[in-house]
C-alpha atoms as a PDB file:
ATOM      1  CA  MET A   1      28.688 -13.347 229.825  1.00  0.00           C
ATOM      2  CA  ARG A   2      26.370 -12.784 226.501  1.00  0.00           C
ATOM      3  CA  LEU A   3      26.732  -8.629 225.924  1.00  0.00           C
ATOM      4  CA  LEU A   4      25.523  -6.718 223.347  1.00  0.00           C
ATOM      5  CA  LEU A   5      26.629  -3.759 222.665  1.00  0.00           C
ATOM      6  CA  ASP A   6      24.916  -0.485 222.226  1.00  0.00           C
ATOM      7  CA  SER A   7      26.153   2.029 219.809  1.00  0.00           C
ATOM      8  CA  HIS A   8      28.066   4.172 221.854  1.00  0.00           C
ATOM      9  CA  ALA A   9      29.689   1.275 223.926  1.00  0.00           C
ATOM     10  CA  TYR A  10      30.518  -0.170 220.016  1.00  0.00           C
ATOM     11  CA  ILE A  11      32.101   3.234 219.267  1.00  0.00           C
ATOM     12  CA  TRP A  12      34.281   3.744 221.907  1.00  0.00           C
ATOM     13  CA  TRP A  13      35.296   0.319 222.090  1.00  0.00           C
ATOM     14  CA  LEU A  14      36.339   0.323 218.751  1.00  0.00           C
ATOM     15  CA  THR A  15      37.832   3.654 219.004  1.00  0.00           C
ATOM     16  CA  GLU A  16      39.453   3.159 222.575  1.00  0.00           C
ATOM     17  CA  ASP A  17      37.625   6.026 224.140  1.00  0.00           C
ATOM     18  CA  SER A  18      38.047   6.303 227.586  1.00  0.00           C
ATOM     19  CA  ARG A  19      34.232   7.188 228.393  1.00  0.00           C
ATOM     20  CA  LEU A  20      33.918   3.400 228.059  1.00  0.00           C
ATOM     21  CA  GLY A  21      33.158   2.106 231.558  1.00  0.00           C
ATOM     22  CA  GLU A  22      36.015  -0.044 232.951  1.00  0.00           C
ATOM     23  CA  ARG A  23      33.537  -2.640 234.039  1.00  0.00           C
ATOM     24  CA  ALA A  24      32.140  -2.999 230.519  1.00  0.00           C
ATOM     25  CA  ARG A  25      35.785  -2.873 228.939  1.00  0.00           C
ATOM     26  CA  ALA A  26      36.564  -5.839 230.698  1.00  0.00           C
ATOM     27  CA  ALA A  27      33.968  -7.548 230.355  1.00  0.00           C
ATOM     28  CA  ILE A  28      34.185  -7.028 226.380  1.00  0.00           C
ATOM     29  CA  ALA A  29      37.666  -8.086 226.314  1.00  0.00           C
ATOM     30  CA  ASP A  30      36.728 -11.348 228.623  1.00  0.00           C
ATOM     31  CA  PRO A  31      37.534 -14.293 226.474  1.00  0.00           C
ATOM     32  CA  GLN A  32      34.521 -16.102 228.051  1.00  0.00           C
ATOM     33  CA  SER A  33      32.134 -13.288 227.026  1.00  0.00           C
ATOM     34  CA  LEU A  34      30.314 -13.415 223.818  1.00  0.00           C
ATOM     35  CA  VAL A  35      29.707  -9.765 222.839  1.00  0.00           C
ATOM     36  CA  TYR A  36      27.076  -9.435 219.808  1.00  0.00           C
ATOM     37  CA  VAL A  37      27.001  -6.151 217.860  1.00  0.00           C
ATOM     38  CA  SER A  38      23.089  -5.556 216.373  1.00  0.00           C
ATOM     39  CA  ALA A  39      22.381  -4.987 212.805  1.00  0.00           C
ATOM     40  CA  ALA A  40      20.480  -2.237 214.152  1.00  0.00           C
ATOM     41  CA  THR A  41      23.743  -0.694 216.013  1.00  0.00           C
ATOM     42  CA  ILE A  42      25.282  -0.429 212.680  1.00  0.00           C
ATOM     43  CA  TRP A  43      22.071   0.799 211.129  1.00  0.00           C
ATOM     44  CA  GLU A  44      22.173   3.696 213.447  1.00  0.00           C
ATOM     45  CA  VAL A  45      25.650   4.472 213.692  1.00  0.00           C
ATOM     46  CA  SER A  46      25.607   4.551 209.637  1.00  0.00           C
ATOM     47  CA  ILE A  47      23.287   7.252 209.427  1.00  0.00           C
ATOM     48  CA  LYS A  48      24.663   8.940 212.005  1.00  0.00           C
ATOM     49  CA  ALA A  49      27.883   9.078 209.797  1.00  0.00           C
ATOM     50  CA  SER A  50      26.693  10.257 206.831  1.00  0.00           C
ATOM     51  CA  LEU A  51      24.862  12.907 208.354  1.00  0.00           C
ATOM     52  CA  GLY A  52      28.328  14.078 209.917  1.00  0.00           C
ATOM     53  CA  ARG A  53      27.457  13.768 213.344  1.00  0.00           C
ATOM     54  CA  ILE A  54      29.839  10.645 214.167  1.00  0.00           C
ATOM     55  CA  HIS A  55      33.363  10.664 212.561  1.00  0.00           C
ATOM     56  CA  LEU A  56      34.853   7.007 212.081  1.00  0.00           C
ATOM     57  CA  GLY A  57      37.647   7.656 209.379  1.00  0.00           C
ATOM     58  CA  ASP A  58      37.670   5.084 207.433  1.00  0.00           C
ATOM     59  CA  ALA A  59      36.306   2.036 209.949  1.00  0.00           C
ATOM     60  CA  ASP A  60      34.159  -0.682 208.619  1.00  0.00           C
ATOM     61  CA  LEU A  61      31.879  -0.952 211.031  1.00  0.00           C
ATOM     62  CA  VAL A  62      30.917  -4.646 209.463  1.00  0.00           C
ATOM     63  CA  ALA A  63      34.488  -5.957 209.367  1.00  0.00           C
ATOM     64  CA  GLU A  64      35.181  -4.899 212.857  1.00  0.00           C
ATOM     65  CA  ILE A  65      32.753  -7.138 214.120  1.00  0.00           C
ATOM     66  CA  VAL A  66      34.607 -10.241 212.871  1.00  0.00           C
ATOM     67  CA  GLU A  67      38.120  -8.471 213.610  1.00  0.00           C
ATOM     68  CA  ASN A  68      36.823  -8.396 217.591  1.00  0.00           C
ATOM     69  CA  ASP A  69      35.649 -11.692 217.770  1.00  0.00           C
ATOM     70  CA  PHE A  70      31.971 -10.448 217.893  1.00  0.00           C
ATOM     71  CA  ILE A  71      28.753 -11.665 216.877  1.00  0.00           C
ATOM     72  CA  GLU A  72      26.415 -10.284 214.786  1.00  0.00           C
ATOM     73  CA  LEU A  73      23.090 -10.230 215.564  1.00  0.00           C
ATOM     74  CA  PRO A  74      20.301  -9.888 212.872  1.00  0.00           C
ATOM     75  CA  ILE A  75      16.848  -8.189 212.958  1.00  0.00           C
ATOM     76  CA  THR A  76      14.444 -10.911 213.200  1.00  0.00           C
ATOM     77  CA  ALA A  77      10.723 -10.339 212.744  1.00  0.00           C
ATOM     78  CA  ARG A  78      10.199 -11.771 216.161  1.00  0.00           C
ATOM     79  CA  HIS A  79      12.587  -8.710 217.124  1.00  0.00           C
ATOM     80  CA  ALA A  80      10.666  -6.302 215.375  1.00  0.00           C
ATOM     81  CA  ASP A  81       7.061  -7.239 216.728  1.00  0.00           C
ATOM     82  CA  GLU A  82       8.761  -6.916 220.154  1.00  0.00           C
ATOM     83  CA  THR A  83       9.587  -3.683 219.872  1.00  0.00           C
ATOM     84  CA  GLY A  84       5.829  -2.508 219.199  1.00  0.00           C
ATOM     85  CA  LYS A  85       4.995  -4.386 222.507  1.00  0.00           C
ATOM     86  CA  LEU A  86       7.069  -2.408 224.320  1.00  0.00           C
ATOM     87  CA  SER A  87       5.806   0.163 226.838  1.00  0.00           C
ATOM     88  CA  SER A  88       6.376   4.178 225.772  1.00  0.00           C
ATOM     89  CA  HIS A  89       9.495   4.714 228.423  1.00  0.00           C
ATOM     90  CA  HIS A  90      11.778   5.306 225.526  1.00  0.00           C
ATOM     91  CA  HIS A  91      11.095   6.415 221.928  1.00  0.00           C
ATOM     92  CA  ASP A  92      14.301   6.045 220.096  1.00  0.00           C
ATOM     93  CA  PRO A  93      13.810   2.957 217.664  1.00  0.00           C
ATOM     94  CA  PHE A  94      16.797   1.863 217.633  1.00  0.00           C
ATOM     95  CA  ASP A  95      17.553   1.486 221.339  1.00  0.00           C
ATOM     96  CA  ARG A  96      13.860   0.622 221.316  1.00  0.00           C
ATOM     97  CA  MET A  97      15.250  -2.731 219.059  1.00  0.00           C
ATOM     98  CA  LEU A  98      17.968  -3.252 221.473  1.00  0.00           C
ATOM     99  CA  ILE A  99      16.001  -3.626 224.265  1.00  0.00           C
ATOM    100  CA  ALA A 100      13.761  -6.347 222.438  1.00  0.00           C
ATOM    101  CA  GLN A 101      16.558  -8.132 221.114  1.00  0.00           C
ATOM    102  CA  ALA A 102      18.201  -8.345 224.644  1.00  0.00           C
ATOM    103  CA  GLN A 103      14.814  -9.622 226.220  1.00  0.00           C
ATOM    104  CA  ILE A 104      14.317 -11.917 223.744  1.00  0.00           C
ATOM    105  CA  GLU A 105      17.905 -13.178 223.375  1.00  0.00           C
ATOM    106  CA  GLY A 106      18.734 -12.753 227.027  1.00  0.00           C
ATOM    107  CA  LEU A 107      21.847 -10.558 226.740  1.00  0.00           C
ATOM    108  CA  THR A 108      23.038  -8.141 229.095  1.00  0.00           C
ATOM    109  CA  CYS A 109      23.325  -4.453 227.336  1.00  0.00           C
ATOM    110  CA  VAL A 110      26.230  -2.525 227.534  1.00  0.00           C
ATOM    111  CA  THR A 111      24.982   0.991 227.783  1.00  0.00           C
ATOM    112  CA  ARG A 112      25.034   3.943 230.096  1.00  0.00           C
ATOM    113  CA  ASP A 113      21.942   4.571 228.887  1.00  0.00           C
ATOM    114  CA  PRO A 114      19.598   5.048 231.898  1.00  0.00           C
ATOM    115  CA  ALA A 115      16.358   4.638 229.710  1.00  0.00           C
ATOM    116  CA  PHE A 116      16.987   0.994 229.475  1.00  0.00           C
ATOM    117  CA  LEU A 117      16.427   0.255 233.044  1.00  0.00           C
ATOM    118  CA  PRO A 118      12.839   0.552 233.098  1.00  0.00           C
ATOM    119  CA  TYR A 119      12.271  -2.242 230.668  1.00  0.00           C
ATOM    120  CA  GLY A 120      14.192  -4.658 233.208  1.00  0.00           C
ATOM    121  CA  VAL A 121      16.757  -5.465 230.841  1.00  0.00           C
ATOM    122  CA  GLN A 122      20.341  -6.080 232.473  1.00  0.00           C
ATOM    123  CA  THR A 123      22.982  -3.516 231.854  1.00  0.00           C
ATOM    124  CA  LEU A 124      26.128  -3.392 232.541  1.00  0.00           C
ATOM    125  CA  TRP A 125      28.970  -0.033 232.593  1.00  0.00           C
END
């Protein structure tokens, strides 16, 4: 599978949080899966951590991508352009970026957020 982790999925994977669904956990752990972490996820989590809304200790979010054999997914101009073309079902800019990236790159989003569904993006939880 080709997976794109939503922010909560990435954090819950790193912290071994039981809220990460068993199907999602198994798919991420599967050595055949290609697991992507978007620059948008690192951006969002870093902002929330700086505001005190998330506490990650001394976790290095960028280093964890490599340490977990995940793939960093940069934000491209094409991704940015596509976010503006999405219908207005969901207004969170970080989620909209993940939706656009999933559509363009043919990725399945690992998320429990039902707001992804109206966009026709494959999800896994």
